[in-house]
Amino acid sequence: MPEKIRKLDQQRHELKALRYLLDNHPESMQDRAELPSREDFQTAESRLIFDVLVNATSQADAVRAIEDLDLEETEVESFLRLGGQFYHSYPHMVKERGRDFREGKIEILDPSE
């Protein structure tokens, strides 16, 4: 029986990982083996932000591109106001959880359950 987690909790973990990657951009994007992959992110909006980070050449470019995203579940201004310095463990957590999702060990809890 897989562990079930709330979508909101997963989204929070992913956004913390992304915020850490943004705070340390572009250096944070250099070691691709250590980075979570796009597929490790379970929410579509997190994948969009990750795509921005991968494609941006500077932190300023990444911030501008994130500001231009039309996101419904993520408050962009709040995301950008956060500091990511304390979230150094979250990219690795997202990477591990991504593997667990693919292996069926974790599922997003259906809100109707």
C-alpha atoms as a PDB file:
ATOM      1  CA  MET A   1       0.000   0.000   0.000  1.00  0.00           C
ATOM      2  CA  PRO A   2       1.610   3.284  -1.072  1.00  0.00           C
ATOM      3  CA  GLU A   3       2.021   6.186   1.304  1.00  0.00           C
ATOM      4  CA  LYS A   4      -0.470   8.945   0.500  1.00  0.00           C
ATOM      5  CA  ILE A   5       0.420  12.587   0.830  1.00  0.00           C
ATOM      6  CA  ARG A   6      -1.621  15.706   0.307  1.00  0.00           C
ATOM      7  CA  LYS A   7      -1.035  17.612  -2.914  1.00  0.00           C
ATOM      8  CA  LEU A   8      -0.511  20.813  -0.915  1.00  0.00           C
ATOM      9  CA  ASP A   9       2.289  19.201   1.087  1.00  0.00           C
ATOM     10  CA  GLN A  10       3.984  17.959  -2.080  1.00  0.00           C
ATOM     11  CA  GLN A  11       3.637  21.381  -3.674  1.00  0.00           C
ATOM     12  CA  ARG A  12       5.249  23.037  -0.629  1.00  0.00           C
ATOM     13  CA  HIS A  13       8.239  20.690  -0.782  1.00  0.00           C
ATOM     14  CA  GLU A  14       8.662  21.303  -4.485  1.00  0.00           C
ATOM     15  CA  LEU A  15       8.420  25.078  -4.139  1.00  0.00           C
ATOM     16  CA  LYS A  16      11.029  25.070  -1.367  1.00  0.00           C
ATOM     17  CA  ALA A  17      13.365  23.072  -3.609  1.00  0.00           C
ATOM     18  CA  LEU A  18      12.758  25.472  -6.472  1.00  0.00           C
ATOM     19  CA  ARG A  19      13.293  28.483  -4.237  1.00  0.00           C
ATOM     20  CA  TYR A  20      16.646  27.089  -3.120  1.00  0.00           C
ATOM     21  CA  LEU A  21      17.622  26.488  -6.755  1.00  0.00           C
ATOM     22  CA  LEU A  22      16.580  30.039  -7.663  1.00  0.00           C
ATOM     23  CA  ASP A  23      18.516  31.588  -4.755  1.00  0.00           C
ATOM     24  CA  ASN A  24      21.656  29.827  -5.909  1.00  0.00           C
ATOM     25  CA  HIS A  25      21.120  30.186  -9.642  1.00  0.00           C
ATOM     26  CA  PRO A  26      22.984  29.624 -11.951  1.00  0.00           C
ATOM     27  CA  GLU A  27      25.438  27.578  -9.849  1.00  0.00           C
ATOM     28  CA  SER A  28      22.611  25.387  -8.532  1.00  0.00           C
ATOM     29  CA  MET A  29      21.837  24.203 -12.051  1.00  0.00           C
ATOM     30  CA  GLN A  30      25.362  23.111 -12.983  1.00  0.00           C
ATOM     31  CA  ASP A  31      25.575  19.636 -11.427  1.00  0.00           C
ATOM     32  CA  ARG A  32      22.766  17.926 -13.333  1.00  0.00           C
ATOM     33  CA  ALA A  33      23.431  14.590 -11.617  1.00  0.00           C
ATOM     34  CA  GLU A  34      22.544  16.124  -8.251  1.00  0.00           C
ATOM     35  CA  LEU A  35      19.529  18.067  -9.493  1.00  0.00           C
ATOM     36  CA  PRO A  36      16.026  16.687  -9.411  1.00  0.00           C
ATOM     37  CA  SER A  37      14.794  16.000 -12.922  1.00  0.00           C
ATOM     38  CA  ARG A  38      11.707  17.595 -14.427  1.00  0.00           C
ATOM     39  CA  GLU A  39       9.887  14.295 -13.901  1.00  0.00           C
ATOM     40  CA  ASP A  40      10.654  14.389 -10.169  1.00  0.00           C
ATOM     41  CA  PHE A  41       8.251  17.317  -9.773  1.00  0.00           C
ATOM     42  CA  GLN A  42       4.671  16.108  -9.380  1.00  0.00           C
ATOM     43  CA  THR A  43       2.875  19.420  -9.935  1.00  0.00           C
ATOM     44  CA  ALA A  44       2.601  21.042 -13.339  1.00  0.00           C
ATOM     45  CA  GLU A  45       3.403  24.505 -11.986  1.00  0.00           C
ATOM     46  CA  SER A  46       6.578  23.253 -10.323  1.00  0.00           C
ATOM     47  CA  ARG A  47       7.644  21.731 -13.633  1.00  0.00           C
ATOM     48  CA  LEU A  48       7.080  25.103 -15.330  1.00  0.00           C
ATOM     49  CA  ILE A  49       9.238  26.886 -12.760  1.00  0.00           C
ATOM     50  CA  PHE A  50      11.896  24.178 -13.072  1.00  0.00           C
ATOM     51  CA  ASP A  51      11.901  24.674 -16.869  1.00  0.00           C
ATOM     52  CA  VAL A  52      12.480  28.386 -16.342  1.00  0.00           C
ATOM     53  CA  LEU A  53      15.434  27.679 -14.041  1.00  0.00           C
ATOM     54  CA  VAL A  54      16.995  25.205 -16.447  1.00  0.00           C
ATOM     55  CA  ASN A  55      16.722  27.629 -19.359  1.00  0.00           C
ATOM     56  CA  ALA A  56      17.644  30.890 -17.622  1.00  0.00           C
ATOM     57  CA  THR A  57      21.201  32.157 -17.979  1.00  0.00           C
ATOM     58  CA  SER A  58      21.095  34.241 -14.806  1.00  0.00           C
ATOM     59  CA  GLN A  59      19.126  34.594 -11.600  1.00  0.00           C
ATOM     60  CA  ALA A  60      17.671  37.900 -12.838  1.00  0.00           C
ATOM     61  CA  ASP A  61      16.498  36.233 -16.076  1.00  0.00           C
ATOM     62  CA  ALA A  62      14.924  33.429 -14.046  1.00  0.00           C
ATOM     63  CA  VAL A  63      13.089  35.882 -11.786  1.00  0.00           C
ATOM     64  CA  ARG A  64      11.718  37.815 -14.774  1.00  0.00           C
ATOM     65  CA  ALA A  65      10.564  34.605 -16.477  1.00  0.00           C
ATOM     66  CA  ILE A  66       8.900  33.342 -13.289  1.00  0.00           C
ATOM     67  CA  GLU A  67       7.125  36.692 -12.881  1.00  0.00           C
ATOM     68  CA  ASP A  68       5.725  36.217 -16.402  1.00  0.00           C
ATOM     69  CA  LEU A  69       4.289  32.764 -15.702  1.00  0.00           C
ATOM     70  CA  ASP A  70       0.513  32.525 -15.462  1.00  0.00           C
ATOM     71  CA  LEU A  71       0.162  30.226 -12.462  1.00  0.00           C
ATOM     72  CA  GLU A  72      -3.112  29.416 -10.721  1.00  0.00           C
ATOM     73  CA  GLU A  73      -2.013  27.445  -7.635  1.00  0.00           C
ATOM     74  CA  THR A  74       1.253  29.229  -6.886  1.00  0.00           C
ATOM     75  CA  GLU A  75       1.376  32.804  -5.627  1.00  0.00           C
ATOM     76  CA  VAL A  76       4.362  34.039  -7.632  1.00  0.00           C
ATOM     77  CA  GLU A  77       4.977  37.173  -5.559  1.00  0.00           C
ATOM     78  CA  SER A  78       5.072  35.147  -2.339  1.00  0.00           C
ATOM     79  CA  PHE A  79       7.336  32.554  -3.940  1.00  0.00           C
ATOM     80  CA  LEU A  80       9.776  35.245  -5.042  1.00  0.00           C
ATOM     81  CA  ARG A  81       9.720  36.942  -1.614  1.00  0.00           C
ATOM     82  CA  LEU A  82      10.764  33.746   0.152  1.00  0.00           C
ATOM     83  CA  GLY A  83      14.396  33.191   0.924  1.00  0.00           C
ATOM     84  CA  GLY A  84      15.691  29.801  -0.083  1.00  0.00           C
ATOM     85  CA  GLN A  85      18.888  29.699   1.954  1.00  0.00           C
ATOM     86  CA  PHE A  86      17.468  27.201   4.475  1.00  0.00           C
ATOM     87  CA  TYR A  87      16.002  24.849   1.883  1.00  0.00           C
ATOM     88  CA  HIS A  88      19.249  23.174   0.807  1.00  0.00           C
ATOM     89  CA  SER A  89      17.915  19.666   1.501  1.00  0.00           C
ATOM     90  CA  TYR A  90      14.723  20.038  -0.548  1.00  0.00           C
ATOM     91  CA  PRO A  91      16.132  19.466  -4.055  1.00  0.00           C
ATOM     92  CA  HIS A  92      17.451  16.086  -2.904  1.00  0.00           C
ATOM     93  CA  MET A  93      14.123  15.311  -1.201  1.00  0.00           C
ATOM     94  CA  VAL A  94      12.212  16.067  -4.419  1.00  0.00           C
ATOM     95  CA  LYS A  95      14.600  13.831  -6.335  1.00  0.00           C
ATOM     96  CA  GLU A  96      14.103  10.945  -3.871  1.00  0.00           C
ATOM     97  CA  ARG A  97      10.347  11.406  -3.770  1.00  0.00           C
ATOM     98  CA  GLY A  98      10.211  11.525  -7.566  1.00  0.00           C
ATOM     99  CA  ARG A  99      11.739   8.068  -7.634  1.00  0.00           C
ATOM    100  CA  ASP A 100       9.263   6.889  -4.974  1.00  0.00           C
ATOM    101  CA  PHE A 101       6.324   8.256  -7.004  1.00  0.00           C
ATOM    102  CA  ARG A 102       7.549   6.449 -10.131  1.00  0.00           C
ATOM    103  CA  GLU A 103       7.954   3.220  -8.145  1.00  0.00           C
ATOM    104  CA  GLY A 104       4.433   3.535  -6.719  1.00  0.00           C
ATOM    105  CA  LYS A 105       5.610   3.948  -3.121  1.00  0.00           C
ATOM    106  CA  ILE A 106       3.945   7.369  -2.777  1.00  0.00           C
ATOM    107  CA  GLU A 107       0.735   8.754  -4.247  1.00  0.00           C
ATOM    108  CA  ILE A 108      -0.972  12.104  -4.080  1.00  0.00           C
ATOM    109  CA  LEU A 109      -4.027  11.817  -1.865  1.00  0.00           C
ATOM    110  CA  ASP A 110      -7.270  12.173  -3.776  1.00  0.00           C
ATOM    111  CA  PRO A 111      -9.172  15.015  -2.044  1.00  0.00           C
ATOM    112  CA  SER A 112     -12.412  13.040  -2.361  1.00  0.00           C
ATOM    113  CA  GLU A 113     -11.036  10.185  -0.194  1.00  0.00           C
END
